[in-house]
Amino acid sequence: MTNTPQARLKNTRLKNLGEVEQLVMDYLWTHGPSSSEACREALAPSRPMKDSTIRTVLRRLEEKGYLTHETEGRTFVYRASDARQNVAVRAVKSIIDRFCGGSAEQLVLGMVDNAVLNGKQLERLARKIAEKQIPESKFAENNFSEKTTAEKNITEKKEAKS
C-alpha cells in the first residue's frame, strides 16, 4: 500500500535536503527500495545512526515528498518518489526561477563566467540542443552547416572575453 502520490513531489517546490537526508536519498537512488534498517546499516560506516534517527529522517523525506513507502508485513519499505535526474532538474529550475529571473541562458552564462563550463562542454551541449530541435533525418537532408543560435552565442562570448 502506498501512502504518498508521486505527483506530490512533481507539483511542489522542493524543500532543501540536509546532509543526512542527502546521504539517505543517495543510498535509495543507488540501491532502490529499502527498509529503515537496511538504510541505517548501509550508512553506518560513514554516518552511524540510532534506529529512531533513521526513521525520523525517512519520515521527514516522505513529508517533503522525496519518498513514498509501502508496507510489507510490519516493515515500511521506502522508495524514491522520482528519479535523481528528475529531482535535480526541478532543483535547477527552482534556482533559475529564484536567482536568474527564469532565464536558463543567464544561468549558463554565469557558469561560463565562473569557469564551471568550458568551451568544449558548451559546444557539446549546443550540438545536443541542435539534435533535439531537428530530427536526424531532417538534419542530414538540410545539410545543416550554419551554427545554431547557441553556438553563435558561445562564440560571441568567447570572442568578447579575449
N, C-alpha and C. Protein backbone atom coordinates (compact mmCIF):
# COMPACT_ATOMS: atom_id res chain seq x y z
N MET A 1 0.84 -1.17 0.00
CA MET A 1 0.00 0.00 0.00
C MET A 1 0.89 1.23 0.00
N THR A 2 0.61 2.17 -0.87
CA THR A 2 1.40 3.39 -0.99
C THR A 2 0.62 4.54 -0.37
N ASN A 3 1.32 5.39 0.39
CA ASN A 3 0.60 6.45 1.08
C ASN A 3 0.87 7.86 0.56
N THR A 4 1.83 8.04 -0.34
CA THR A 4 2.13 9.38 -0.84
C THR A 4 2.21 9.33 -2.36
N PRO A 5 1.36 10.06 -3.07
CA PRO A 5 1.40 10.01 -4.54
C PRO A 5 2.66 10.66 -5.09
N GLN A 6 3.15 10.11 -6.21
CA GLN A 6 4.34 10.66 -6.84
C GLN A 6 4.10 12.09 -7.30
N ALA A 7 2.89 12.41 -7.64
CA ALA A 7 2.57 13.76 -8.14
C ALA A 7 2.91 14.82 -7.10
N ARG A 8 2.91 14.48 -5.83
CA ARG A 8 3.19 15.45 -4.78
C ARG A 8 4.57 16.08 -4.97
N LEU A 9 5.58 15.26 -5.28
CA LEU A 9 6.92 15.79 -5.47
C LEU A 9 6.98 16.65 -6.73
N LYS A 10 6.31 16.23 -7.77
CA LYS A 10 6.39 16.93 -9.04
C LYS A 10 5.70 18.29 -9.01
N ASN A 11 4.70 18.45 -8.19
CA ASN A 11 3.90 19.67 -8.18
C ASN A 11 4.26 20.64 -7.07
N THR A 12 5.22 20.29 -6.24
CA THR A 12 5.57 21.19 -5.15
C THR A 12 7.00 21.67 -5.31
N ARG A 13 7.28 22.81 -4.73
CA ARG A 13 8.65 23.31 -4.75
C ARG A 13 9.47 22.44 -3.81
N LEU A 14 10.61 22.03 -4.26
CA LEU A 14 11.44 21.16 -3.45
C LEU A 14 11.96 21.88 -2.22
N LYS A 15 11.91 21.19 -1.12
CA LYS A 15 12.50 21.71 0.10
C LYS A 15 13.94 21.20 0.13
N ASN A 16 14.82 22.02 0.66
CA ASN A 16 16.24 21.64 0.69
C ASN A 16 16.45 20.39 1.52
N LEU A 17 17.49 19.65 1.15
CA LEU A 17 17.86 18.45 1.89
C LEU A 17 19.04 18.76 2.80
N GLY A 18 18.95 18.25 4.02
CA GLY A 18 20.08 18.34 4.93
C GLY A 18 21.12 17.30 4.54
N GLU A 19 22.25 17.33 5.20
CA GLU A 19 23.36 16.42 4.88
C GLU A 19 22.96 14.95 5.01
N VAL A 20 22.33 14.60 6.13
CA VAL A 20 21.93 13.21 6.35
C VAL A 20 20.81 12.82 5.38
N GLU A 21 19.87 13.73 5.13
CA GLU A 21 18.80 13.44 4.17
C GLU A 21 19.39 13.16 2.79
N GLN A 22 20.41 13.94 2.40
CA GLN A 22 21.05 13.72 1.11
C GLN A 22 21.72 12.35 1.05
N LEU A 23 22.38 11.95 2.14
CA LEU A 23 23.00 10.63 2.19
C LEU A 23 21.97 9.52 2.02
N VAL A 24 20.84 9.66 2.69
CA VAL A 24 19.78 8.66 2.59
C VAL A 24 19.22 8.61 1.17
N MET A 25 18.97 9.78 0.57
CA MET A 25 18.46 9.80 -0.80
C MET A 25 19.46 9.18 -1.77
N ASP A 26 20.74 9.51 -1.61
CA ASP A 26 21.76 8.92 -2.47
C ASP A 26 21.74 7.40 -2.36
N TYR A 27 21.61 6.89 -1.13
CA TYR A 27 21.56 5.45 -0.92
C TYR A 27 20.34 4.85 -1.63
N LEU A 28 19.17 5.46 -1.44
CA LEU A 28 17.95 4.91 -2.04
C LEU A 28 17.97 5.01 -3.57
N TRP A 29 18.50 6.10 -4.12
CA TRP A 29 18.60 6.21 -5.57
C TRP A 29 19.55 5.15 -6.13
N THR A 30 20.59 4.84 -5.40
CA THR A 30 21.58 3.87 -5.86
C THR A 30 21.12 2.43 -5.65
N HIS A 31 20.52 2.14 -4.51
CA HIS A 31 20.19 0.76 -4.15
C HIS A 31 18.73 0.38 -4.30
N GLY A 32 17.87 1.34 -4.53
CA GLY A 32 16.45 1.03 -4.69
C GLY A 32 15.73 0.90 -3.36
N PRO A 33 14.49 0.40 -3.41
CA PRO A 33 13.66 0.32 -2.22
C PRO A 33 14.35 -0.40 -1.06
N SER A 34 14.22 0.19 0.14
CA SER A 34 14.90 -0.36 1.31
C SER A 34 14.11 -0.07 2.58
N SER A 35 14.32 -0.90 3.56
CA SER A 35 13.74 -0.67 4.88
C SER A 35 14.62 0.32 5.63
N SER A 36 14.10 0.84 6.73
CA SER A 36 14.89 1.78 7.54
C SER A 36 16.14 1.08 8.08
N GLU A 37 16.00 -0.18 8.44
CA GLU A 37 17.14 -0.94 8.97
C GLU A 37 18.23 -1.12 7.92
N ALA A 38 17.84 -1.41 6.68
CA ALA A 38 18.83 -1.56 5.61
C ALA A 38 19.55 -0.24 5.36
N CYS A 39 18.82 0.87 5.37
CA CYS A 39 19.43 2.19 5.20
C CYS A 39 20.41 2.47 6.33
N ARG A 40 19.97 2.23 7.55
CA ARG A 40 20.81 2.51 8.72
C ARG A 40 22.10 1.69 8.67
N GLU A 41 21.99 0.41 8.36
CA GLU A 41 23.17 -0.46 8.30
C GLU A 41 24.12 -0.03 7.18
N ALA A 42 23.57 0.32 6.03
CA ALA A 42 24.41 0.71 4.90
C ALA A 42 25.15 2.02 5.16
N LEU A 43 24.51 2.94 5.88
CA LEU A 43 25.12 4.24 6.14
C LEU A 43 26.00 4.24 7.40
N ALA A 44 25.93 3.18 8.19
CA ALA A 44 26.64 3.12 9.47
C ALA A 44 28.15 3.37 9.36
N PRO A 45 28.85 2.85 8.36
CA PRO A 45 30.29 3.11 8.31
C PRO A 45 30.65 4.60 8.19
N SER A 46 29.85 5.35 7.45
CA SER A 46 30.14 6.77 7.27
C SER A 46 29.33 7.66 8.20
N ARG A 47 28.16 7.19 8.61
CA ARG A 47 27.26 8.02 9.42
C ARG A 47 26.44 7.12 10.36
N PRO A 48 27.00 6.72 11.49
CA PRO A 48 26.24 5.87 12.42
C PRO A 48 25.01 6.60 12.96
N MET A 49 23.88 5.90 12.99
CA MET A 49 22.63 6.48 13.50
C MET A 49 21.88 5.46 14.34
N LYS A 50 21.11 5.97 15.27
CA LYS A 50 20.19 5.11 16.00
C LYS A 50 19.01 4.78 15.10
N ASP A 51 18.31 3.72 15.43
CA ASP A 51 17.14 3.32 14.66
C ASP A 51 16.10 4.43 14.62
N SER A 52 15.89 5.11 15.75
CA SER A 52 14.90 6.19 15.78
C SER A 52 15.30 7.37 14.90
N THR A 53 16.61 7.60 14.77
CA THR A 53 17.09 8.71 13.94
C THR A 53 16.81 8.45 12.47
N ILE A 54 17.15 7.26 11.98
CA ILE A 54 16.92 6.96 10.56
C ILE A 54 15.43 6.98 10.25
N ARG A 55 14.62 6.50 11.17
CA ARG A 55 13.17 6.53 10.94
C ARG A 55 12.66 7.97 10.84
N THR A 56 13.19 8.85 11.68
CA THR A 56 12.81 10.26 11.62
C THR A 56 13.23 10.88 10.30
N VAL A 57 14.45 10.59 9.86
CA VAL A 57 14.94 11.13 8.59
C VAL A 57 14.05 10.64 7.44
N LEU A 58 13.73 9.36 7.42
CA LEU A 58 12.88 8.81 6.36
C LEU A 58 11.48 9.43 6.39
N ARG A 59 10.93 9.61 7.58
CA ARG A 59 9.60 10.23 7.70
C ARG A 59 9.63 11.66 7.17
N ARG A 60 10.67 12.40 7.50
CA ARG A 60 10.79 13.79 7.02
C ARG A 60 10.96 13.85 5.50
N LEU A 61 11.73 12.92 4.96
CA LEU A 61 11.88 12.88 3.50
C LEU A 61 10.55 12.57 2.82
N GLU A 62 9.77 11.74 3.47
CA GLU A 62 8.44 11.42 2.93
C GLU A 62 7.53 12.64 3.01
N GLU A 63 7.58 13.36 4.13
CA GLU A 63 6.79 14.57 4.27
C GLU A 63 7.17 15.62 3.24
N LYS A 64 8.45 15.69 2.91
CA LYS A 64 8.93 16.64 1.90
C LYS A 64 8.59 16.19 0.48
N GLY A 65 8.15 14.94 0.34
CA GLY A 65 7.75 14.44 -0.97
C GLY A 65 8.83 13.69 -1.73
N TYR A 66 9.98 13.47 -1.12
CA TYR A 66 11.06 12.76 -1.80
C TYR A 66 10.88 11.25 -1.79
N LEU A 67 10.16 10.74 -0.81
CA LEU A 67 9.98 9.29 -0.65
C LEU A 67 8.52 8.90 -0.56
N THR A 68 8.26 7.65 -0.85
CA THR A 68 6.99 7.01 -0.53
C THR A 68 7.34 5.71 0.20
N HIS A 69 6.36 5.09 0.80
CA HIS A 69 6.64 3.79 1.39
C HIS A 69 5.47 2.84 1.14
N GLU A 70 5.82 1.58 1.13
CA GLU A 70 4.84 0.51 1.09
C GLU A 70 5.05 -0.32 2.34
N THR A 71 3.99 -0.96 2.79
CA THR A 71 4.10 -1.79 3.98
C THR A 71 4.17 -3.25 3.56
N GLU A 72 5.23 -3.92 3.99
CA GLU A 72 5.38 -5.35 3.75
C GLU A 72 5.38 -6.02 5.12
N GLY A 73 4.25 -6.59 5.45
CA GLY A 73 4.08 -7.11 6.81
C GLY A 73 4.02 -5.93 7.75
N ARG A 74 4.97 -5.87 8.68
CA ARG A 74 5.04 -4.74 9.60
C ARG A 74 6.19 -3.80 9.27
N THR A 75 6.83 -4.02 8.13
CA THR A 75 8.00 -3.24 7.75
C THR A 75 7.66 -2.23 6.68
N PHE A 76 8.09 -1.00 6.87
CA PHE A 76 7.95 0.03 5.85
C PHE A 76 9.13 -0.12 4.88
N VAL A 77 8.83 -0.18 3.60
CA VAL A 77 9.87 -0.22 2.57
C VAL A 77 9.79 1.09 1.81
N TYR A 78 10.86 1.88 1.89
CA TYR A 78 10.89 3.22 1.30
C TYR A 78 11.49 3.18 -0.09
N ARG A 79 10.96 4.04 -0.95
CA ARG A 79 11.50 4.19 -2.30
C ARG A 79 11.44 5.66 -2.68
N ALA A 80 12.35 6.07 -3.55
CA ALA A 80 12.37 7.45 -4.03
C ALA A 80 11.10 7.71 -4.83
N SER A 81 10.51 8.89 -4.65
CA SER A 81 9.30 9.25 -5.39
C SER A 81 9.58 9.51 -6.85
N ASP A 82 10.81 9.89 -7.15
CA ASP A 82 11.18 10.21 -8.53
C ASP A 82 12.66 9.94 -8.72
N ALA A 83 13.09 9.83 -9.97
CA ALA A 83 14.48 9.57 -10.29
C ALA A 83 15.36 10.76 -9.89
N ARG A 84 16.59 10.48 -9.57
CA ARG A 84 17.55 11.50 -9.17
C ARG A 84 17.63 12.63 -10.19
N GLN A 85 17.72 12.28 -11.47
CA GLN A 85 17.86 13.29 -12.52
C GLN A 85 16.64 14.21 -12.57
N ASN A 86 15.45 13.67 -12.41
CA ASN A 86 14.24 14.49 -12.43
C ASN A 86 14.21 15.45 -11.25
N VAL A 87 14.63 14.99 -10.10
CA VAL A 87 14.68 15.85 -8.92
C VAL A 87 15.73 16.95 -9.14
N ALA A 88 16.86 16.59 -9.72
CA ALA A 88 17.92 17.57 -9.99
C ALA A 88 17.43 18.63 -10.97
N VAL A 89 16.71 18.22 -11.99
CA VAL A 89 16.18 19.18 -12.98
C VAL A 89 15.24 20.17 -12.30
N ARG A 90 14.36 19.67 -11.44
CA ARG A 90 13.44 20.58 -10.75
C ARG A 90 14.18 21.51 -9.79
N ALA A 91 15.23 21.02 -9.16
CA ALA A 91 16.02 21.87 -8.27
C ALA A 91 16.70 22.98 -9.06
N VAL A 92 17.27 22.65 -10.21
CA VAL A 92 17.92 23.65 -11.05
C VAL A 92 16.87 24.64 -11.57
N LYS A 93 15.71 24.15 -11.97
CA LYS A 93 14.63 25.04 -12.43
C LYS A 93 14.27 26.03 -11.34
N SER A 94 14.22 25.56 -10.11
CA SER A 94 13.92 26.44 -8.99
C SER A 94 15.01 27.51 -8.82
N ILE A 95 16.26 27.12 -8.97
CA ILE A 95 17.37 28.07 -8.88
C ILE A 95 17.27 29.10 -10.00
N ILE A 96 16.97 28.63 -11.21
CA ILE A 96 16.83 29.54 -12.35
C ILE A 96 15.72 30.55 -12.08
N ASP A 97 14.60 30.08 -11.58
CA ASP A 97 13.47 30.97 -11.29
C ASP A 97 13.83 31.97 -10.19
N ARG A 98 14.48 31.51 -9.14
CA ARG A 98 14.78 32.37 -8.00
C ARG A 98 15.92 33.34 -8.23
N PHE A 99 16.97 32.90 -8.90
CA PHE A 99 18.18 33.72 -8.99
C PHE A 99 18.45 34.31 -10.37
N CYS A 100 17.82 33.77 -11.40
CA CYS A 100 18.13 34.22 -12.76
C CYS A 100 16.88 34.74 -13.48
N GLY A 101 15.86 35.07 -12.74
CA GLY A 101 14.65 35.61 -13.35
C GLY A 101 14.01 34.67 -14.35
N GLY A 102 14.20 33.37 -14.17
CA GLY A 102 13.60 32.38 -15.08
C GLY A 102 14.41 32.14 -16.34
N SER A 103 15.58 32.76 -16.45
CA SER A 103 16.39 32.64 -17.66
C SER A 103 17.49 31.59 -17.50
N ALA A 104 17.32 30.46 -18.19
CA ALA A 104 18.35 29.42 -18.19
C ALA A 104 19.62 29.94 -18.84
N GLU A 105 19.46 30.81 -19.83
CA GLU A 105 20.61 31.39 -20.51
C GLU A 105 21.48 32.17 -19.52
N GLN A 106 20.86 32.93 -18.62
CA GLN A 106 21.62 33.68 -17.62
C GLN A 106 22.41 32.73 -16.71
N LEU A 107 21.79 31.61 -16.36
CA LEU A 107 22.49 30.63 -15.53
C LEU A 107 23.71 30.08 -16.28
N VAL A 108 23.53 29.69 -17.52
CA VAL A 108 24.64 29.13 -18.30
C VAL A 108 25.74 30.17 -18.49
N LEU A 109 25.36 31.41 -18.79
CA LEU A 109 26.37 32.46 -18.94
C LEU A 109 27.14 32.66 -17.64
N GLY A 110 26.45 32.62 -16.52
CA GLY A 110 27.12 32.71 -15.22
C GLY A 110 28.08 31.55 -15.00
N MET A 111 27.69 30.37 -15.47
CA MET A 111 28.56 29.20 -15.34
C MET A 111 29.80 29.34 -16.22
N VAL A 112 29.64 29.97 -17.38
CA VAL A 112 30.79 30.23 -18.25
C VAL A 112 31.69 31.27 -17.59
N ASP A 113 31.11 32.36 -17.12
CA ASP A 113 31.89 33.42 -16.49
C ASP A 113 32.70 32.93 -15.29
N ASN A 114 32.15 31.93 -14.59
CA ASN A 114 32.82 31.42 -13.39
C ASN A 114 33.56 30.11 -13.64
N ALA A 115 33.81 29.81 -14.91
CA ALA A 115 34.60 28.64 -15.32
C ALA A 115 34.03 27.32 -14.82
N VAL A 116 32.71 27.24 -14.70
CA VAL A 116 32.07 25.97 -14.35
C VAL A 116 31.94 25.12 -15.61
N LEU A 117 31.67 25.77 -16.74
CA LEU A 117 31.59 25.11 -18.04
C LEU A 117 32.67 25.67 -18.94
N ASN A 118 33.32 24.79 -19.71
CA ASN A 118 34.32 25.26 -20.66
C ASN A 118 33.76 25.22 -22.09
N GLY A 119 34.52 25.71 -23.03
CA GLY A 119 34.09 25.79 -24.42
C GLY A 119 33.71 24.45 -25.01
N LYS A 120 34.50 23.43 -24.71
CA LYS A 120 34.23 22.09 -25.26
C LYS A 120 32.88 21.57 -24.74
N GLN A 121 32.61 21.75 -23.47
CA GLN A 121 31.34 21.32 -22.89
C GLN A 121 30.18 22.08 -23.52
N LEU A 122 30.36 23.39 -23.72
CA LEU A 122 29.30 24.19 -24.33
C LEU A 122 29.03 23.78 -25.77
N GLU A 123 30.08 23.48 -26.52
CA GLU A 123 29.89 23.02 -27.89
C GLU A 123 29.13 21.70 -27.93
N ARG A 124 29.46 20.79 -27.01
CA ARG A 124 28.75 19.51 -26.93
C ARG A 124 27.28 19.75 -26.60
N LEU A 125 27.01 20.65 -25.66
CA LEU A 125 25.62 20.98 -25.32
C LEU A 125 24.89 21.59 -26.51
N ALA A 126 25.57 22.48 -27.23
CA ALA A 126 24.95 23.12 -28.40
C ALA A 126 24.58 22.07 -29.45
N ARG A 127 25.46 21.09 -29.66
CA ARG A 127 25.15 20.01 -30.62
C ARG A 127 23.95 19.20 -30.17
N LYS A 128 23.90 18.88 -28.88
CA LYS A 128 22.75 18.11 -28.35
C LYS A 128 21.46 18.89 -28.52
N ILE A 129 21.50 20.17 -28.26
CA ILE A 129 20.32 21.02 -28.42
C ILE A 129 19.88 21.03 -29.87
N ALA A 130 20.84 21.18 -30.78
CA ALA A 130 20.52 21.19 -32.21
C ALA A 130 19.90 19.87 -32.64
N GLU A 131 20.41 18.77 -32.13
CA GLU A 131 19.87 17.44 -32.47
C GLU A 131 18.45 17.27 -31.96
N LYS A 132 18.16 17.82 -30.80
CA LYS A 132 16.81 17.72 -30.23
C LYS A 132 15.82 18.54 -31.03
N GLN A 133 16.26 19.66 -31.57
CA GLN A 133 15.37 20.56 -32.29
C GLN A 133 15.10 20.10 -33.71
N ILE A 134 16.06 19.43 -34.34
CA ILE A 134 15.91 19.00 -35.72
C ILE A 134 16.09 17.49 -35.76
N PRO A 135 15.06 16.74 -36.14
CA PRO A 135 15.20 15.28 -36.21
C PRO A 135 16.37 14.90 -37.12
N GLU A 136 17.02 13.76 -36.81
CA GLU A 136 18.20 13.31 -37.54
C GLU A 136 18.00 13.33 -39.06
N SER A 137 16.86 12.82 -39.55
CA SER A 137 16.65 12.75 -41.00
C SER A 137 16.63 14.14 -41.61
N LYS A 138 15.98 15.09 -40.96
CA LYS A 138 15.94 16.46 -41.48
C LYS A 138 17.31 17.10 -41.37
N PHE A 139 18.05 16.74 -40.31
CA PHE A 139 19.39 17.29 -40.11
C PHE A 139 20.25 16.96 -41.32
N ALA A 140 20.22 15.71 -41.77
CA ALA A 140 21.02 15.29 -42.92
C ALA A 140 20.49 15.91 -44.21
N GLU A 141 19.16 15.94 -44.38
CA GLU A 141 18.55 16.47 -45.60
C GLU A 141 18.87 17.94 -45.80
N ASN A 142 18.88 18.70 -44.73
CA ASN A 142 19.08 20.13 -44.84
C ASN A 142 20.54 20.53 -44.94
N ASN A 143 21.45 19.55 -44.87
CA ASN A 143 22.88 19.86 -44.88
C ASN A 143 23.17 20.98 -43.89
N PHE A 144 22.78 20.77 -42.69
CA PHE A 144 22.82 21.77 -41.63
C PHE A 144 24.25 22.19 -41.36
N SER A 145 24.68 23.32 -41.96
CA SER A 145 26.05 23.77 -41.76
C SER A 145 26.13 25.07 -40.97
N GLU A 146 25.01 25.78 -40.89
CA GLU A 146 25.00 27.04 -40.16
C GLU A 146 25.05 26.76 -38.67
N LYS A 147 25.79 27.58 -37.94
CA LYS A 147 25.85 27.42 -36.49
C LYS A 147 24.49 27.70 -35.88
N THR A 148 24.17 26.95 -34.83
CA THR A 148 22.93 27.21 -34.11
C THR A 148 23.06 28.50 -33.33
N THR A 149 21.96 29.02 -32.90
CA THR A 149 21.96 30.24 -32.10
C THR A 149 22.83 30.06 -30.86
N ALA A 150 22.72 28.90 -30.25
CA ALA A 150 23.51 28.63 -29.04
C ALA A 150 25.00 28.67 -29.36
N GLU A 151 25.40 28.05 -30.48
CA GLU A 151 26.81 28.07 -30.85
C GLU A 151 27.27 29.49 -31.14
N LYS A 152 26.43 30.29 -31.79
CA LYS A 152 26.77 31.68 -32.07
C LYS A 152 27.00 32.45 -30.77
N ASN A 153 26.09 32.24 -29.81
CA ASN A 153 26.22 32.93 -28.52
C ASN A 153 27.51 32.53 -27.82
N ILE A 154 27.86 31.25 -27.91
CA ILE A 154 29.08 30.76 -27.28
C ILE A 154 30.29 31.41 -27.93
N THR A 155 30.31 31.43 -29.26
CA THR A 155 31.41 32.04 -29.98
C THR A 155 31.56 33.51 -29.64
N GLU A 156 30.42 34.23 -29.62
CA GLU A 156 30.45 35.65 -29.28
C GLU A 156 30.98 35.85 -27.86
N LYS A 157 30.57 34.99 -26.94
CA LYS A 157 31.00 35.10 -25.55
C LYS A 157 32.51 34.91 -25.45
N LYS A 158 33.04 33.88 -26.20
CA LYS A 158 34.47 33.61 -26.19
C LYS A 158 35.24 34.80 -26.76
N GLU A 159 34.75 35.35 -27.87
CA GLU A 159 35.41 36.48 -28.53
C GLU A 159 35.42 37.70 -27.62
N ALA A 160 34.34 37.93 -26.91
CA ALA A 160 34.24 39.08 -26.01
C ALA A 160 35.23 38.96 -24.85
N LYS A 161 35.50 37.72 -24.41
CA LYS A 161 36.43 37.51 -23.29
C LYS A 161 37.87 37.74 -23.72
N SER A 162 38.19 37.50 -25.04
CA SER A 162 39.59 37.62 -25.48
C SER A 162 40.02 39.03 -25.68
